[in-house]
PDB file of N, CA and C in Angstrom:
ATOM      1  N   UNK A   1     116.849 156.004  18.762  1.00  0.00           N
ATOM      2  CA  UNK A   1     115.453 155.467  19.429  1.00  0.00           C
ATOM      3  C   UNK A   1     115.213 154.295  19.671  1.00  0.00           C
ATOM      4  N   UNK A   2     114.545 153.908  20.490  1.00  0.00           N
ATOM      5  CA  UNK A   2     114.752 152.218  20.804  1.00  0.00           C
ATOM      6  C   UNK A   2     113.114 151.856  19.554  1.00  0.00           C
ATOM      7  N   UNK A   3     113.266 150.723  19.324  1.00  0.00           N
ATOM      8  CA  UNK A   3     112.568 149.705  18.538  1.00  0.00           C
ATOM      9  C   UNK A   3     111.249 149.410  18.866  1.00  0.00           C
ATOM     10  N   UNK A   4     110.134 149.896  18.693  1.00  0.00           N
ATOM     11  CA  UNK A   4     108.730 149.780  19.210  1.00  0.00           C
ATOM     12  C   UNK A   4     108.537 148.253  19.426  1.00  0.00           C
ATOM     13  N   UNK A   5     107.882 148.573  20.674  1.00  0.00           N
ATOM     14  CA  UNK A   5     107.580 146.708  21.303  1.00  0.00           C
ATOM     15  C   UNK A   5     106.503 146.355  20.276  1.00  0.00           C
ATOM     16  N   UNK A   6     106.395 145.271  20.027  1.00  0.00           N
ATOM     17  CA  UNK A   6     104.918 144.103  19.925  1.00  0.00           C
ATOM     18  C   UNK A   6     104.131 144.108  21.417  1.00  0.00           C
ATOM     19  N   UNK A   7     103.068 144.504  20.632  1.00  0.00           N
ATOM     20  CA  UNK A   7     102.176 144.601  21.677  1.00  0.00           C
ATOM     21  C   UNK A   7     101.715 143.087  22.211  1.00  0.00           C
ATOM     22  N   UNK A   8     100.951 143.577  23.551  1.00  0.00           N
ATOM     23  CA  UNK A   8     100.453 142.313  24.238  1.00  0.00           C
ATOM     24  C   UNK A   8      99.703 141.868  23.973  1.00  0.00           C
ATOM     25  N   UNK A   9      99.381 140.747  24.064  1.00  0.00           N
ATOM     26  CA  UNK A   9      98.287 139.542  23.544  1.00  0.00           C
ATOM     27  C   UNK A   9      97.071 140.421  24.371  1.00  0.00           C
ATOM     28  N   UNK A  10      95.963 140.751  23.170  1.00  0.00           N
ATOM     29  CA  UNK A  10      94.509 141.509  23.740  1.00  0.00           C
ATOM     30  C   UNK A  10      94.888 142.711  23.784  1.00  0.00           C
ATOM     31  N   UNK A  11      95.715 143.186  23.552  1.00  0.00           N
ATOM     32  CA  UNK A  11      95.538 144.757  23.442  1.00  0.00           C
ATOM     33  C   UNK A  11      95.270 145.661  22.333  1.00  0.00           C
ATOM     34  N   UNK A  12      95.335 145.019  21.436  1.00  0.00           N
ATOM     35  CA  UNK A  12      95.055 145.508  19.991  1.00  0.00           C
ATOM     36  C   UNK A  12      93.631 146.347  20.052  1.00  0.00           C
ATOM     37  N   UNK A  13      93.261 145.723  20.349  1.00  0.00           N
ATOM     38  CA  UNK A  13      91.377 145.922  20.374  1.00  0.00           C
ATOM     39  C   UNK A  13      90.794 147.153  20.970  1.00  0.00           C
ATOM     40  N   UNK A  14      91.731 147.202  22.365  1.00  0.00           N
ATOM     41  CA  UNK A  14      91.271 147.927  23.200  1.00  0.00           C
ATOM     42  C   UNK A  14      92.346 149.542  22.340  1.00  0.00           C
ATOM     43  N   UNK A  15      93.346 149.391  22.442  1.00  0.00           N
ATOM     44  CA  UNK A  15      94.372 150.150  21.477  1.00  0.00           C
ATOM     45  C   UNK A  15      93.433 150.784  20.439  1.00  0.00           C
ATOM     46  N   UNK A  16      92.637 150.270  19.629  1.00  0.00           N
ATOM     47  CA  UNK A  16      91.926 150.326  18.172  1.00  0.00           C
ATOM     48  C   UNK A  16      90.576 151.386  18.428  1.00  0.00           C
ATOM     49  N   UNK A  17      90.039 150.937  19.917  1.00  0.00           N
ATOM     50  CA  UNK A  17      89.028 151.242  20.124  1.00  0.00           C
ATOM     51  C   UNK A  17      89.252 152.456  20.756  1.00  0.00           C
ATOM     52  N   UNK A  18      90.172 152.975  21.341  1.00  0.00           N
ATOM     53  CA  UNK A  18      90.801 153.866  22.424  1.00  0.00           C
ATOM     54  C   UNK A  18      91.137 154.877  21.153  1.00  0.00           C
ATOM     55  N   UNK A  19      92.073 154.348  19.905  1.00  0.00           N
ATOM     56  CA  UNK A  19      92.250 155.602  18.814  1.00  0.00           C
ATOM     57  C   UNK A  19      91.030 156.307  18.435  1.00  0.00           C
ATOM     58  N   UNK A  20      89.956 155.588  18.190  1.00  0.00           N
ATOM     59  CA  UNK A  20      89.202 155.819  17.080  1.00  0.00           C
ATOM     60  C   UNK A  20      87.943 156.866  18.004  1.00  0.00           C
ATOM     61  N   UNK A  21      88.329 156.609  19.668  1.00  0.00           N
ATOM     62  CA  UNK A  21      87.191 157.345  20.350  1.00  0.00           C
ATOM     63  C   UNK A  21      86.582 158.926  20.281  1.00  0.00           C
ATOM     64  N   UNK A  22      87.932 159.315  19.705  1.00  0.00           N
ATOM     65  CA  UNK A  22      87.460 161.099  19.218  1.00  0.00           C
ATOM     66  C   UNK A  22      86.885 161.425  17.999  1.00  0.00           C
ATOM     67  N   UNK A  23      87.244 160.367  17.320  1.00  0.00           N
ATOM     68  CA  UNK A  23      87.325 161.002  15.579  1.00  0.00           C
ATOM     69  C   UNK A  23      87.006 159.456  14.620  1.00  0.00           C
ATOM     70  N   UNK A  24      86.769 159.612  13.522  1.00  0.00           N
ATOM     71  CA  UNK A  24      86.618 158.715  12.496  1.00  0.00           C
ATOM     72  C   UNK A  24      88.298 158.595  11.544  1.00  0.00           C
ATOM     73  N   UNK A  25      89.069 157.666  12.051  1.00  0.00           N
ATOM     74  CA  UNK A  25      90.086 157.508  10.886  1.00  0.00           C
ATOM     75  C   UNK A  25      90.217 156.438  10.559  1.00  0.00           C
ATOM     76  N   UNK A  26      91.201 156.904   9.140  1.00  0.00           N
ATOM     77  CA  UNK A  26      91.715 155.124   8.762  1.00  0.00           C
ATOM     78  C   UNK A  26      92.754 154.305   9.345  1.00  0.00           C
ATOM     79  N   UNK A  27      92.589 153.308   8.798  1.00  0.00           N
ATOM     80  CA  UNK A  27      94.065 152.180   9.042  1.00  0.00           C
ATOM     81  C   UNK A  27      95.468 153.152   9.489  1.00  0.00           C
ATOM     82  N   UNK A  28      95.329 153.817   7.946  1.00  0.00           N
ATOM     83  CA  UNK A  28      97.301 153.897   8.531  1.00  0.00           C
ATOM     84  C   UNK A  28      96.833 155.357   9.472  1.00  0.00           C
ATOM     85  N   UNK A  29      95.964 156.209  10.306  1.00  0.00           N
ATOM     86  CA  UNK A  29      95.607 157.104  10.934  1.00  0.00           C
ATOM     87  C   UNK A  29      95.745 156.482  12.078  1.00  0.00           C
ATOM     88  N   UNK A  30      95.302 155.226  12.447  1.00  0.00           N
ATOM     89  CA  UNK A  30      94.716 154.396  13.748  1.00  0.00           C
ATOM     90  C   UNK A  30      95.994 153.736  14.175  1.00  0.00           C
ATOM     91  N   UNK A  31      96.890 153.518  12.905  1.00  0.00           N
ATOM     92  CA  UNK A  31      98.259 152.926  13.668  1.00  0.00           C
ATOM     93  C   UNK A  31      99.120 154.117  14.262  1.00  0.00           C
ATOM     94  N   UNK A  32      99.160 155.346  13.322  1.00  0.00           N
ATOM     95  CA  UNK A  32      99.905 156.194  13.397  1.00  0.00           C
ATOM     96  C   UNK A  32      99.729 157.406  15.025  1.00  0.00           C
ATOM     97  N   UNK A  33      98.550 156.999  15.365  1.00  0.00           N
ATOM     98  CA  UNK A  33      97.875 157.387  16.673  1.00  0.00           C
ATOM     99  C   UNK A  33      98.175 157.099  17.703  1.00  0.00           C
ATOM    100  N   UNK A  34      97.921 155.421  17.198  1.00  0.00           N
ATOM    101  CA  UNK A  34      98.788 154.795  18.903  1.00  0.00           C
ATOM    102  C   UNK A  34      99.986 154.569  18.844  1.00  0.00           C
ATOM    103  N   UNK A  35     100.960 154.811  17.598  1.00  0.00           N
ATOM    104  CA  UNK A  35     102.416 155.503  17.809  1.00  0.00           C
ATOM    105  C   UNK A  35     102.460 156.363  18.398  1.00  0.00           C
ATOM    106  N   UNK A  36     101.985 157.365  17.978  1.00  0.00           N
ATOM    107  CA  UNK A  36     101.970 158.654  18.868  1.00  0.00           C
ATOM    108  C   UNK A  36     101.850 158.912  19.877  1.00  0.00           C
ATOM    109  N   UNK A  37     100.717 158.471  20.385  1.00  0.00           N
ATOM    110  CA  UNK A  37      99.964 158.893  21.579  1.00  0.00           C
ATOM    111  C   UNK A  37     100.865 157.723  22.950  1.00  0.00           C
ATOM    112  N   UNK A  38     101.627 156.875  22.094  1.00  0.00           N
ATOM    113  CA  UNK A  38     102.706 155.843  23.409  1.00  0.00           C
ATOM    114  C   UNK A  38     104.578 156.165  23.225  1.00  0.00           C
ATOM    115  N   UNK A  39     103.935 157.592  22.958  1.00  0.00           N
ATOM    116  CA  UNK A  39     105.567 158.317  22.652  1.00  0.00           C
ATOM    117  C   UNK A  39     106.392 157.393  21.742  1.00  0.00           C
ATOM    118  N   UNK A  40     105.797 156.321  20.821  1.00  0.00           N
ATOM    119  CA  UNK A  40     106.806 155.761  20.046  1.00  0.00           C
ATOM    120  C   UNK A  40     107.126 154.758  20.284  1.00  0.00           C
ATOM    121  N   UNK A  41     106.348 153.755  21.417  1.00  0.00           N
ATOM    122  CA  UNK A  41     106.580 152.600  21.809  1.00  0.00           C
ATOM    123  C   UNK A  41     105.892 151.713  20.931  1.00  0.00           C
ATOM    124  N   UNK A  42     104.645 151.594  20.623  1.00  0.00           N
ATOM    125  CA  UNK A  42     104.227 151.033  20.544  1.00  0.00           C
ATOM    126  C   UNK A  42     103.791 151.122  18.821  1.00  0.00           C
ATOM    127  N   UNK A  43     103.891 150.146  17.718  1.00  0.00           N
ATOM    128  CA  UNK A  43     103.865 149.791  16.369  1.00  0.00           C
ATOM    129  C   UNK A  43     102.725 148.861  16.130  1.00  0.00           C
ATOM    130  N   UNK A  44     102.114 149.287  15.275  1.00  0.00           N
ATOM    131  CA  UNK A  44     100.961 148.586  14.973  1.00  0.00           C
ATOM    132  C   UNK A  44     101.265 147.836  13.576  1.00  0.00           C
ATOM    133  N   UNK A  45     101.594 146.874  13.086  1.00  0.00           N
ATOM    134  CA  UNK A  45     101.550 146.332  12.036  1.00  0.00           C
ATOM    135  C   UNK A  45     100.616 146.161  10.836  1.00  0.00           C
ATOM    136  N   UNK A  46     100.531 146.360   9.666  1.00  0.00           N
ATOM    137  CA  UNK A  46      99.322 146.273   9.102  1.00  0.00           C
ATOM    138  C   UNK A  46      98.653 144.913   8.667  1.00  0.00           C
ATOM    139  N   UNK A  47      99.703 144.202   8.679  1.00  0.00           N
ATOM    140  CA  UNK A  47      99.289 142.677   9.069  1.00  0.00           C
ATOM    141  C   UNK A  47      98.333 141.986  10.374  1.00  0.00           C
ATOM    142  N   UNK A  48      98.607 143.014  12.022  1.00  0.00           N
ATOM    143  CA  UNK A  48      97.726 143.427  12.531  1.00  0.00           C
ATOM    144  C   UNK A  48      96.676 143.732  12.676  1.00  0.00           C
ATOM    145  N   UNK A  49      96.635 145.074  12.321  1.00  0.00           N
ATOM    146  CA  UNK A  49      95.651 145.919  12.288  1.00  0.00           C
ATOM    147  C   UNK A  49      94.212 145.363  11.480  1.00  0.00           C
ATOM    148  N   UNK A  50      94.898 145.280  10.322  1.00  0.00           N
ATOM    149  CA  UNK A  50      93.809 145.757   9.271  1.00  0.00           C
ATOM    150  C   UNK A  50      92.702 144.351   9.838  1.00  0.00           C
ATOM    151  N   UNK A  51      93.348 143.028   9.798  1.00  0.00           N
ATOM    152  CA  UNK A  51      91.976 141.567  10.415  1.00  0.00           C
ATOM    153  C   UNK A  51      91.416 141.978  11.593  1.00  0.00           C
ATOM    154  N   UNK A  52      92.362 143.075  12.762  1.00  0.00           N
ATOM    155  CA  UNK A  52      91.702 143.327  13.894  1.00  0.00           C
ATOM    156  C   UNK A  52      90.533 144.544  13.432  1.00  0.00           C
ATOM    157  N   UNK A  53      90.535 144.758  12.489  1.00  0.00           N
ATOM    158  CA  UNK A  53      89.652 145.925  11.990  1.00  0.00           C
ATOM    159  C   UNK A  53      88.439 145.285  11.546  1.00  0.00           C
ATOM    160  N   UNK A  54      88.468 144.413  10.640  1.00  0.00           N
ATOM    161  CA  UNK A  54      87.611 143.377   9.866  1.00  0.00           C
ATOM    162  C   UNK A  54      87.032 142.741  11.456  1.00  0.00           C
ATOM    163  N   UNK A  55      87.479 142.020  12.260  1.00  0.00           N
ATOM    164  CA  UNK A  55      86.941 141.612  13.345  1.00  0.00           C
ATOM    165  C   UNK A  55      86.141 142.472  14.293  1.00  0.00           C
ATOM    166  N   UNK A  56      86.363 143.459  14.968  1.00  0.00           N
ATOM    167  CA  UNK A  56      85.869 144.791  15.735  1.00  0.00           C
ATOM    168  C   UNK A  56      84.592 145.179  14.812  1.00  0.00           C
ATOM    169  N   UNK A  57      84.484 145.366  13.378  1.00  0.00           N
ATOM    170  CA  UNK A  57      83.441 145.658  12.628  1.00  0.00           C
ATOM    171  C   UNK A  57      82.378 144.277  12.510  1.00  0.00           C
ATOM    172  N   UNK A  58      83.309 143.216  12.128  1.00  0.00           N
ATOM    173  CA  UNK A  58      81.999 142.248  12.527  1.00  0.00           C
ATOM    174  C   UNK A  58      81.346 141.990  13.859  1.00  0.00           C
ATOM    175  N   UNK A  59      81.768 142.566  14.822  1.00  0.00           N
ATOM    176  CA  UNK A  59      81.185 142.340  16.064  1.00  0.00           C
ATOM    177  C   UNK A  59      80.421 143.577  16.193  1.00  0.00           C
ATOM    178  N   UNK A  60      80.440 144.440  15.745  1.00  0.00           N
ATOM    179  CA  UNK A  60      79.551 145.485  15.785  1.00  0.00           C
ATOM    180  C   UNK A  60      80.243 146.506  16.517  1.00  0.00           C
ATOM    181  N   UNK A  61      81.325 146.363  16.991  1.00  0.00           N
ATOM    182  CA  UNK A  61      81.844 147.762  18.016  1.00  0.00           C
ATOM    183  C   UNK A  61      82.516 149.082  17.493  1.00  0.00           C
ATOM    184  N   UNK A  62      82.662 148.419  15.710  1.00  0.00           N
ATOM    185  CA  UNK A  62      82.710 149.999  14.991  1.00  0.00           C
ATOM    186  C   UNK A  62      82.323 149.545  13.335  1.00  0.00           C
ATOM    187  N   UNK A  63      81.898 150.870  12.895  1.00  0.00           N
ATOM    188  CA  UNK A  63      82.014 150.803  11.477  1.00  0.00           C
ATOM    189  C   UNK A  63      82.594 151.568  10.698  1.00  0.00           C
ATOM    190  N   UNK A  64      82.499 151.044   9.373  1.00  0.00           N
ATOM    191  CA  UNK A  64      83.750 152.051   8.538  1.00  0.00           C
ATOM    192  C   UNK A  64      82.753 152.788   7.135  1.00  0.00           C
ATOM    193  N   UNK A  65      83.078 153.493   6.695  1.00  0.00           N
ATOM    194  CA  UNK A  65      82.879 154.536   5.435  1.00  0.00           C
ATOM    195  C   UNK A  65      83.521 154.915   4.693  1.00  0.00           C
ATOM    196  N   UNK A  66      83.481 154.619   3.160  1.00  0.00           N
ATOM    197  CA  UNK A  66      84.420 155.023   2.801  1.00  0.00           C
ATOM    198  C   UNK A  66      84.247 156.931   2.356  1.00  0.00           C
ATOM    199  N   UNK A  67      85.497 157.436   2.775  1.00  0.00           N
ATOM    200  CA  UNK A  67      85.716 158.814   2.284  1.00  0.00           C
ATOM    201  C   UNK A  67      87.122 159.145   1.969  1.00  0.00           C
ATOM    202  N   UNK A  68      87.266 160.663   1.081  1.00  0.00           N
ATOM    203  CA  UNK A  68      88.761 161.009   0.816  1.00  0.00           C
ATOM    204  C   UNK A  68      89.799 161.311   2.231  1.00  0.00           C
ATOM    205  N   UNK A  69      90.551 161.179   1.723  1.00  0.00           N
ATOM    206  CA  UNK A  69      91.578 161.389   3.073  1.00  0.00           C
ATOM    207  C   UNK A  69      92.038 162.916   2.330  1.00  0.00           C
ATOM    208  N   UNK A  70      92.815 163.369   3.465  1.00  0.00           N
ATOM    209  CA  UNK A  70      93.830 164.484   3.307  1.00  0.00           C
ATOM    210  C   UNK A  70      94.494 164.703   1.985  1.00  0.00           C
ATOM    211  N   UNK A  71      95.076 163.678   2.000  1.00  0.00           N
ATOM    212  CA  UNK A  71      95.568 163.801   0.644  1.00  0.00           C
ATOM    213  C   UNK A  71      95.036 163.234  -0.481  1.00  0.00           C
ATOM    214  N   UNK A  72      93.295 163.222  -0.381  1.00  0.00           N
ATOM    215  CA  UNK A  72      92.663 163.501  -1.832  1.00  0.00           C
ATOM    216  C   UNK A  72      92.609 161.641  -2.199  1.00  0.00           C
ATOM    217  N   UNK A  73      92.788 160.722  -1.143  1.00  0.00           N
ATOM    218  CA  UNK A  73      92.363 159.062  -1.926  1.00  0.00           C
ATOM    219  C   UNK A  73      91.662 158.924  -0.818  1.00  0.00           C
ATOM    220  N   UNK A  74      90.877 157.459  -1.668  1.00  0.00           N
ATOM    221  CA  UNK A  74      89.846 157.058  -0.794  1.00  0.00           C
ATOM    222  C   UNK A  74      90.689 155.808  -0.004  1.00  0.00           C
ATOM    223  N   UNK A  75      89.331 156.180   1.595  1.00  0.00           N
ATOM    224  CA  UNK A  75      89.584 155.351   2.726  1.00  0.00           C
ATOM    225  C   UNK A  75      88.828 154.529   3.286  1.00  0.00           C
ATOM    226  N   UNK A  76      88.661 153.727   4.076  1.00  0.00           N
ATOM    227  CA  UNK A  76      88.013 153.119   4.882  1.00  0.00           C
ATOM    228  C   UNK A  76      88.227 154.140   6.147  1.00  0.00           C
ATOM    229  N   UNK A  77      87.027 154.733   6.465  1.00  0.00           N
ATOM    230  CA  UNK A  77      87.267 155.321   8.244  1.00  0.00           C
ATOM    231  C   UNK A  77      86.268 154.865   9.002  1.00  0.00           C
ATOM    232  N   UNK A  78      87.219 154.373  10.104  1.00  0.00           N
ATOM    233  CA  UNK A  78      86.184 153.478  11.302  1.00  0.00           C
ATOM    234  C   UNK A  78      85.920 154.224  12.502  1.00  0.00           C
ATOM    235  N   UNK A  79      85.074 154.289  12.692  1.00  0.00           N
ATOM    236  CA  UNK A  79      83.764 155.011  14.057  1.00  0.00           C
ATOM    237  C   UNK A  79      83.338 153.700  15.001  1.00  0.00           C
ATOM    238  N   UNK A  80      83.617 154.338  16.146  1.00  0.00           N
ATOM    239  CA  UNK A  80      82.805 153.388  17.158  1.00  0.00           C
ATOM    240  C   UNK A  80      81.563 153.579  17.398  1.00  0.00           C
ATOM    241  N   UNK A  81      80.678 152.708  17.433  1.00  0.00           N
ATOM    242  CA  UNK A  81      79.471 152.275  17.363  1.00  0.00           C
ATOM    243  C   UNK A  81      79.167 152.530  19.292  1.00  0.00           C
ATOM    244  N   UNK A  82      77.742 152.526  19.117  1.00  0.00           N
ATOM    245  CA  UNK A  82      77.319 152.505  20.651  1.00  0.00           C
ATOM    246  C   UNK A  82      77.714 151.295  21.686  1.00  0.00           C
ATOM    247  N   UNK A  83      77.719 150.009  21.180  1.00  0.00           N
ATOM    248  CA  UNK A  83      78.440 149.289  21.270  1.00  0.00           C
ATOM    249  C   UNK A  83      79.843 148.987  21.540  1.00  0.00           C
ATOM    250  N   UNK A  84      80.543 150.014  20.562  1.00  0.00           N
ATOM    251  CA  UNK A  84      81.920 149.832  20.435  1.00  0.00           C
ATOM    252  C   UNK A  84      82.418 150.876  22.058  1.00  0.00           C
ATOM    253  N   UNK A  85      81.791 151.792  22.224  1.00  0.00           N
ATOM    254  CA  UNK A  85      81.887 152.733  23.653  1.00  0.00           C
ATOM    255  C   UNK A  85      81.656 151.839  24.942  1.00  0.00           C
ATOM    256  N   UNK A  86      80.713 150.973  24.612  1.00  0.00           N
ATOM    257  CA  UNK A  86      80.538 150.229  25.961  1.00  0.00           C
ATOM    258  C   UNK A  86      82.060 149.266  25.991  1.00  0.00           C
ATOM    259  N   UNK A  87      82.135 148.917  24.576  1.00  0.00           N
ATOM    260  CA  UNK A  87      83.399 147.612  24.760  1.00  0.00           C
ATOM    261  C   UNK A  87      84.772 147.842  25.206  1.00  0.00           C
ATOM    262  N   UNK A  88      84.590 149.378  25.016  1.00  0.00           N
ATOM    263  CA  UNK A  88      86.120 150.442  24.974  1.00  0.00           C
ATOM    264  C   UNK A  88      86.107 150.458  26.938  1.00  0.00           C
ATOM    265  N   UNK A  89      84.746 150.752  27.417  1.00  0.00           N
ATOM    266  CA  UNK A  89      85.246 150.910  28.950  1.00  0.00           C
ATOM    267  C   UNK A  89      85.034 149.720  29.253  1.00  0.00           C
ATOM    268  N   UNK A  90      84.585 148.743  28.753  1.00  0.00           N
ATOM    269  CA  UNK A  90      84.768 147.653  29.941  1.00  0.00           C
ATOM    270  C   UNK A  90      86.676 147.368  29.343  1.00  0.00           C
ATOM    271  N   UNK A  91      87.175 146.859  28.488  1.00  0.00           N
ATOM    272  CA  UNK A  91      88.305 146.589  28.238  1.00  0.00           C
ATOM    273  C   UNK A  91      89.313 147.911  29.118  1.00  0.00           C
ATOM    274  N   UNK A  92      88.696 148.617  28.885  1.00  0.00           N
ATOM    275  CA  UNK A  92      89.736 149.755  29.875  1.00  0.00           C
ATOM    276  C   UNK A  92      89.879 149.591  31.169  1.00  0.00           C
ATOM    277  N   UNK A  93      88.726 149.191  31.873  1.00  0.00           N
ATOM    278  CA  UNK A  93      88.451 148.891  32.979  1.00  0.00           C
ATOM    279  C   UNK A  93      89.216 147.420  33.223  1.00  0.00           C
ATOM    280  N   UNK A  94      88.853 146.424  32.317  1.00  0.00           N
ATOM    281  CA  UNK A  94      89.863 145.060  32.388  1.00  0.00           C
ATOM    282  C   UNK A  94      91.341 145.189  32.443  1.00  0.00           C
ATOM    283  N   UNK A  95      91.793 146.374  31.692  1.00  0.00           N
ATOM    284  CA  UNK A  95      93.021 146.506  31.561  1.00  0.00           C
ATOM    285  C   UNK A  95      93.821 147.825  32.807  1.00  0.00           C
ATOM    286  N   UNK A  96      92.864 148.034  33.646  1.00  0.00           N
ATOM    287  CA  UNK A  96      93.594 148.709  34.744  1.00  0.00           C
ATOM    288  C   UNK A  96      93.824 147.825  35.657  1.00  0.00           C
ATOM    289  N   UNK A  97      92.447 146.697  35.950  1.00  0.00           N
ATOM    290  CA  UNK A  97      92.686 145.820  37.349  1.00  0.00           C
ATOM    291  C   UNK A  97      93.747 144.960  36.427  1.00  0.00           C
ATOM    292  N   UNK A  98      93.907 144.705  35.829  1.00  0.00           N
ATOM    293  CA  UNK A  98      95.367 143.375  35.196  1.00  0.00           C
ATOM    294  C   UNK A  98      96.520 144.201  35.181  1.00  0.00           C
ATOM    295  N   UNK A  99      96.518 145.672  34.874  1.00  0.00           N
ATOM    296  CA  UNK A  99      98.365 146.494  34.861  1.00  0.00           C
ATOM    297  C   UNK A  99      98.706 146.721  36.652  1.00  0.00           C
ATOM    298  N   UNK A 100      97.749 146.850  37.448  1.00  0.00           N
ATOM    299  CA  UNK A 100      97.329 147.262  38.372  1.00  0.00           C
ATOM    300  C   UNK A 100      98.225 145.866  39.199  1.00  0.00           C
ATOM    301  N   UNK A 101      97.555 144.669  38.970  1.00  0.00           N
ATOM    302  CA  UNK A 101      98.001 143.583  39.605  1.00  0.00           C
ATOM    303  C   UNK A 101      98.864 143.165  38.961  1.00  0.00           C
ATOM    304  N   UNK A 102      99.766 143.408  37.822  1.00  0.00           N
ATOM    305  CA  UNK A 102     100.674 143.406  37.383  1.00  0.00           C
ATOM    306  C   UNK A 102     102.131 144.183  38.449  1.00  0.00           C
ATOM    307  N   UNK A 103     101.348 145.153  37.899  1.00  0.00           N
ATOM    308  CA  UNK A 103     102.630 145.850  39.328  1.00  0.00           C
ATOM    309  C   UNK A 103     103.020 145.911  40.324  1.00  0.00           C
ATOM    310  N   UNK A 104     101.591 145.229  41.125  1.00  0.00           N
ATOM    311  CA  UNK A 104     101.481 145.426  42.156  1.00  0.00           C
ATOM    312  C   UNK A 104     102.524 143.431  42.772  1.00  0.00           C
ATOM    313  N   UNK A 105     102.430 142.604  42.009  1.00  0.00           N
ATOM    314  CA  UNK A 105     103.337 141.560  42.088  1.00  0.00           C
ATOM    315  C   UNK A 105     104.624 141.492  41.804  1.00  0.00           C
ATOM    316  N   UNK A 106     104.714 142.911  40.432  1.00  0.00           N
ATOM    317  CA  UNK A 106     106.503 143.228  40.580  1.00  0.00           C
ATOM    318  C   UNK A 106     106.638 143.560  41.520  1.00  0.00           C
ATOM    319  N   UNK A 107     106.576 144.693  41.924  1.00  0.00           N
ATOM    320  CA  UNK A 107     106.526 145.164  43.575  1.00  0.00           C
ATOM    321  C   UNK A 107     107.198 144.708  44.599  1.00  0.00           C
ATOM    322  N   UNK A 108     106.225 143.482  44.311  1.00  0.00           N
ATOM    323  CA  UNK A 108     106.163 142.640  45.517  1.00  0.00           C
ATOM    324  C   UNK A 108     107.469 141.641  45.280  1.00  0.00           C
ATOM    325  N   UNK A 109     107.472 141.608  43.836  1.00  0.00           N
ATOM    326  CA  UNK A 109     108.962 140.551  44.142  1.00  0.00           C
ATOM    327  C   UNK A 109     110.067 140.978  44.243  1.00  0.00           C
ATOM    328  N   UNK A 110     110.024 142.584  44.115  1.00  0.00           N
ATOM    329  CA  UNK A 110     110.904 143.045  44.021  1.00  0.00           C
ATOM    330  C   UNK A 110     111.649 143.940  45.549  1.00  0.00           C
ATOM    331  N   UNK A 111     110.945 143.029  46.653  1.00  0.00           N
ATOM    332  CA  UNK A 111     111.162 143.428  48.298  1.00  0.00           C
ATOM    333  C   UNK A 111     111.787 142.083  48.557  1.00  0.00           C
TER     334      UNK A 111
END
């Protein structure tokens, strides 16, 4: 199995927001969901994840609440705010535009 790729600059916020768009998750759960949904290609390291979660919380895009995990441990569960849902839509649209442009450049350079 190939080694997980480092995340592109600026994609971590989008991935976190998308990971918690269905239901609140704790930090490890967010990292695991991103890894699973990417077919084990992306891996988010704790050193990147927790500062990003703190930043997103400060921006008002997510909220955090202490709850029990499935293993009876206390953990902070993160969920999207209304502002966070708007930010997710905006970042997803920007990502679609950017990835389409990059694909276009790659296809043209192969000709």
